[in-house]
Amino acid sequence: MDKSVILNFFQNDFSRFYVSFLPDLKQNGNGELKALCPFHEDKNPSLSVNMQTGLFHCFGCGASGSLFDFYGQRHSQDPR
């Protein structure tokens, strides 16, 4: 499946993708959501997801990228 098809599917609501992996996802304001980062031991929510772009960034471990990068890192695969 083409990545653009997947992006178009989630474009109006990236939270549909991320909530399946991050059940503690909470609104943080400015179109961003925060959650505990699944890529490191996290006690305070350090992962931020931008709902307009679908990009994520962890301020604790530095993990970042698109939903494809997130999926690949979560499943230890190269997302390309």
N, C-alpha and C. Protein backbone atom coordinates (compact mmCIF):
# COMPACT_ATOMS: atom_id res chain seq x y z
N MET A 1 0.84 -1.18 0.00
CA MET A 1 0.00 0.00 0.00
C MET A 1 0.89 1.25 0.00
N ASP A 2 0.50 2.22 -0.75
CA ASP A 2 1.23 3.48 -0.88
C ASP A 2 1.11 4.29 0.42
N LYS A 3 2.21 4.89 0.87
CA LYS A 3 2.20 5.69 2.10
C LYS A 3 1.21 6.86 2.01
N SER A 4 1.05 7.43 0.83
CA SER A 4 0.14 8.58 0.69
C SER A 4 -1.31 8.17 0.96
N VAL A 5 -1.67 6.94 0.62
CA VAL A 5 -3.03 6.44 0.90
C VAL A 5 -3.24 6.36 2.40
N ILE A 6 -2.24 5.86 3.11
CA ILE A 6 -2.34 5.75 4.57
C ILE A 6 -2.41 7.13 5.21
N LEU A 7 -1.57 8.05 4.76
CA LEU A 7 -1.59 9.41 5.30
C LEU A 7 -2.93 10.08 5.04
N ASN A 8 -3.48 9.90 3.87
CA ASN A 8 -4.80 10.48 3.57
C ASN A 8 -5.87 9.91 4.47
N PHE A 9 -5.77 8.63 4.78
CA PHE A 9 -6.75 7.98 5.65
C PHE A 9 -6.74 8.60 7.05
N PHE A 10 -5.55 8.88 7.58
CA PHE A 10 -5.42 9.42 8.94
C PHE A 10 -5.37 10.94 8.99
N GLN A 11 -5.30 11.60 7.87
CA GLN A 11 -5.04 13.04 7.85
C GLN A 11 -5.98 13.85 8.73
N ASN A 12 -7.23 13.50 8.79
CA ASN A 12 -8.17 14.27 9.61
C ASN A 12 -8.12 13.91 11.08
N ASP A 13 -7.50 12.78 11.42
CA ASP A 13 -7.48 12.36 12.81
C ASP A 13 -6.32 11.40 13.07
N PHE A 14 -5.12 11.93 13.23
CA PHE A 14 -3.95 11.09 13.50
C PHE A 14 -4.08 10.38 14.84
N SER A 15 -4.91 10.89 15.73
CA SER A 15 -5.06 10.24 17.03
C SER A 15 -5.62 8.83 16.87
N ARG A 16 -6.36 8.56 15.81
CA ARG A 16 -6.88 7.19 15.58
C ARG A 16 -5.74 6.20 15.46
N PHE A 17 -4.65 6.60 14.85
CA PHE A 17 -3.48 5.73 14.74
C PHE A 17 -2.77 5.61 16.09
N TYR A 18 -2.42 6.75 16.67
CA TYR A 18 -1.59 6.75 17.87
C TYR A 18 -2.28 6.18 19.10
N VAL A 19 -3.58 6.36 19.23
CA VAL A 19 -4.28 5.86 20.42
C VAL A 19 -4.25 4.33 20.48
N SER A 20 -4.09 3.67 19.34
CA SER A 20 -4.02 2.21 19.37
C SER A 20 -2.72 1.72 20.01
N PHE A 21 -1.69 2.56 20.04
CA PHE A 21 -0.41 2.21 20.66
C PHE A 21 -0.19 2.92 21.99
N LEU A 22 -0.88 4.05 22.18
CA LEU A 22 -0.68 4.90 23.36
C LEU A 22 -2.03 5.16 24.04
N PRO A 23 -2.51 4.21 24.83
CA PRO A 23 -3.83 4.38 25.44
C PRO A 23 -3.92 5.56 26.41
N ASP A 24 -2.77 6.05 26.90
CA ASP A 24 -2.77 7.18 27.84
C ASP A 24 -2.66 8.53 27.14
N LEU A 25 -2.84 8.56 25.83
CA LEU A 25 -2.73 9.79 25.04
C LEU A 25 -3.73 10.84 25.54
N LYS A 26 -3.22 12.02 25.86
CA LYS A 26 -4.07 13.09 26.39
C LYS A 26 -3.79 14.40 25.66
N GLN A 27 -4.83 15.21 25.56
CA GLN A 27 -4.73 16.53 24.91
C GLN A 27 -3.77 17.41 25.70
N ASN A 28 -2.88 18.09 24.99
CA ASN A 28 -1.90 18.96 25.62
C ASN A 28 -2.07 20.42 25.18
N GLY A 29 -2.97 20.66 24.26
CA GLY A 29 -3.17 22.01 23.74
C GLY A 29 -2.40 22.23 22.45
N ASN A 30 -2.75 23.28 21.73
CA ASN A 30 -2.07 23.63 20.48
C ASN A 30 -2.04 22.49 19.46
N GLY A 31 -3.06 21.64 19.46
CA GLY A 31 -3.11 20.55 18.49
C GLY A 31 -2.12 19.43 18.76
N GLU A 32 -1.65 19.33 20.00
CA GLU A 32 -0.71 18.27 20.35
C GLU A 32 -1.26 17.40 21.46
N LEU A 33 -0.84 16.15 21.43
CA LEU A 33 -1.21 15.19 22.46
C LEU A 33 0.07 14.69 23.12
N LYS A 34 -0.02 14.30 24.38
CA LYS A 34 1.14 13.80 25.13
C LYS A 34 0.83 12.41 25.66
N ALA A 35 1.89 11.61 25.80
CA ALA A 35 1.75 10.26 26.35
C ALA A 35 3.10 9.81 26.89
N LEU A 36 3.07 8.70 27.64
CA LEU A 36 4.31 8.07 28.06
C LEU A 36 4.96 7.50 26.81
N CYS A 37 6.25 7.65 26.70
CA CYS A 37 6.98 7.16 25.52
C CYS A 37 7.19 5.65 25.63
N PRO A 38 6.80 4.91 24.58
CA PRO A 38 6.99 3.46 24.61
C PRO A 38 8.41 3.02 24.28
N PHE A 39 9.29 3.96 23.94
CA PHE A 39 10.64 3.61 23.51
C PHE A 39 11.68 3.66 24.61
N HIS A 40 11.28 4.09 25.81
CA HIS A 40 12.19 4.11 26.95
C HIS A 40 11.36 4.08 28.23
N GLU A 41 12.03 3.85 29.34
CA GLU A 41 11.37 3.86 30.65
C GLU A 41 10.91 5.28 30.92
N ASP A 42 9.62 5.48 30.97
CA ASP A 42 9.07 6.84 31.07
C ASP A 42 8.07 6.90 32.22
N LYS A 43 8.28 7.84 33.13
CA LYS A 43 7.37 8.00 34.27
C LYS A 43 6.46 9.20 34.11
N ASN A 44 6.93 10.19 33.36
CA ASN A 44 6.14 11.39 33.06
C ASN A 44 5.99 11.48 31.54
N PRO A 45 4.81 11.83 31.06
CA PRO A 45 4.61 11.90 29.61
C PRO A 45 5.64 12.81 28.93
N SER A 46 6.45 12.21 28.07
CA SER A 46 7.48 12.99 27.37
C SER A 46 7.32 12.90 25.85
N LEU A 47 6.37 12.07 25.39
CA LEU A 47 6.14 11.92 23.96
C LEU A 47 5.04 12.87 23.53
N SER A 48 5.34 13.68 22.52
CA SER A 48 4.38 14.64 22.00
C SER A 48 4.03 14.26 20.57
N VAL A 49 2.74 14.31 20.24
CA VAL A 49 2.26 14.00 18.90
C VAL A 49 1.52 15.21 18.36
N ASN A 50 1.94 15.70 17.20
CA ASN A 50 1.28 16.83 16.56
C ASN A 50 0.12 16.30 15.73
N MET A 51 -1.09 16.72 16.04
CA MET A 51 -2.28 16.21 15.37
C MET A 51 -2.49 16.78 13.97
N GLN A 52 -1.81 17.86 13.64
CA GLN A 52 -1.95 18.42 12.29
C GLN A 52 -1.01 17.74 11.30
N THR A 53 0.16 17.35 11.77
CA THR A 53 1.15 16.75 10.87
C THR A 53 1.29 15.24 11.06
N GLY A 54 0.90 14.73 12.23
CA GLY A 54 1.07 13.32 12.53
C GLY A 54 2.47 12.98 13.01
N LEU A 55 3.32 13.99 13.17
CA LEU A 55 4.69 13.75 13.62
C LEU A 55 4.75 13.61 15.14
N PHE A 56 5.69 12.80 15.62
CA PHE A 56 5.86 12.63 17.06
C PHE A 56 7.29 12.98 17.44
N HIS A 57 7.48 13.33 18.71
CA HIS A 57 8.81 13.60 19.24
C HIS A 57 8.81 13.29 20.73
N CYS A 58 9.83 12.58 21.18
CA CYS A 58 10.00 12.32 22.61
C CYS A 58 11.09 13.24 23.14
N PHE A 59 10.76 14.01 24.16
CA PHE A 59 11.71 14.93 24.75
C PHE A 59 12.62 14.22 25.75
N GLY A 60 12.34 12.93 26.01
CA GLY A 60 13.18 12.15 26.92
C GLY A 60 14.29 11.40 26.20
N CYS A 61 13.92 10.64 25.16
CA CYS A 61 14.92 9.81 24.47
C CYS A 61 15.28 10.31 23.08
N GLY A 62 14.53 11.29 22.57
CA GLY A 62 14.84 11.86 21.27
C GLY A 62 14.20 11.16 20.08
N ALA A 63 13.43 10.09 20.32
CA ALA A 63 12.76 9.41 19.21
C ALA A 63 11.82 10.40 18.53
N SER A 64 11.77 10.36 17.20
CA SER A 64 10.90 11.29 16.49
C SER A 64 10.67 10.80 15.08
N GLY A 65 9.65 11.37 14.44
CA GLY A 65 9.38 11.05 13.04
C GLY A 65 7.90 11.01 12.74
N SER A 66 7.59 10.33 11.65
CA SER A 66 6.21 10.21 11.18
C SER A 66 5.54 9.00 11.81
N LEU A 67 4.29 8.77 11.49
CA LEU A 67 3.61 7.59 12.01
C LEU A 67 4.25 6.32 11.46
N PHE A 68 4.87 6.38 10.28
CA PHE A 68 5.57 5.23 9.74
C PHE A 68 6.82 4.92 10.56
N ASP A 69 7.54 5.97 10.97
CA ASP A 69 8.71 5.80 11.84
C ASP A 69 8.28 5.23 13.19
N PHE A 70 7.19 5.75 13.73
CA PHE A 70 6.68 5.27 15.01
C PHE A 70 6.37 3.78 14.92
N TYR A 71 5.63 3.39 13.89
CA TYR A 71 5.26 1.99 13.72
C TYR A 71 6.50 1.11 13.57
N GLY A 72 7.44 1.56 12.76
CA GLY A 72 8.65 0.79 12.56
C GLY A 72 9.46 0.63 13.83
N GLN A 73 9.60 1.70 14.60
CA GLN A 73 10.34 1.63 15.87
C GLN A 73 9.61 0.77 16.87
N ARG A 74 8.31 0.89 16.89
CA ARG A 74 7.49 0.11 17.84
C ARG A 74 7.60 -1.37 17.55
N HIS A 75 7.72 -1.71 16.29
CA HIS A 75 7.80 -3.12 15.89
C HIS A 75 9.19 -3.51 15.43
N SER A 76 10.19 -2.67 15.76
CA SER A 76 11.60 -2.92 15.44
C SER A 76 11.80 -3.26 13.96
N GLN A 77 11.18 -2.46 13.10
CA GLN A 77 11.32 -2.63 11.66
C GLN A 77 11.73 -1.33 11.03
N ASP A 78 12.32 -1.42 9.87
CA ASP A 78 12.63 -0.22 9.09
C ASP A 78 11.33 0.22 8.44
N PRO A 79 10.83 1.45 8.72
CA PRO A 79 9.53 1.88 8.21
C PRO A 79 9.52 2.20 6.72
N ARG A 80 10.63 2.11 6.04
CA ARG A 80 10.65 2.45 4.61
C ARG A 80 10.34 1.29 3.74
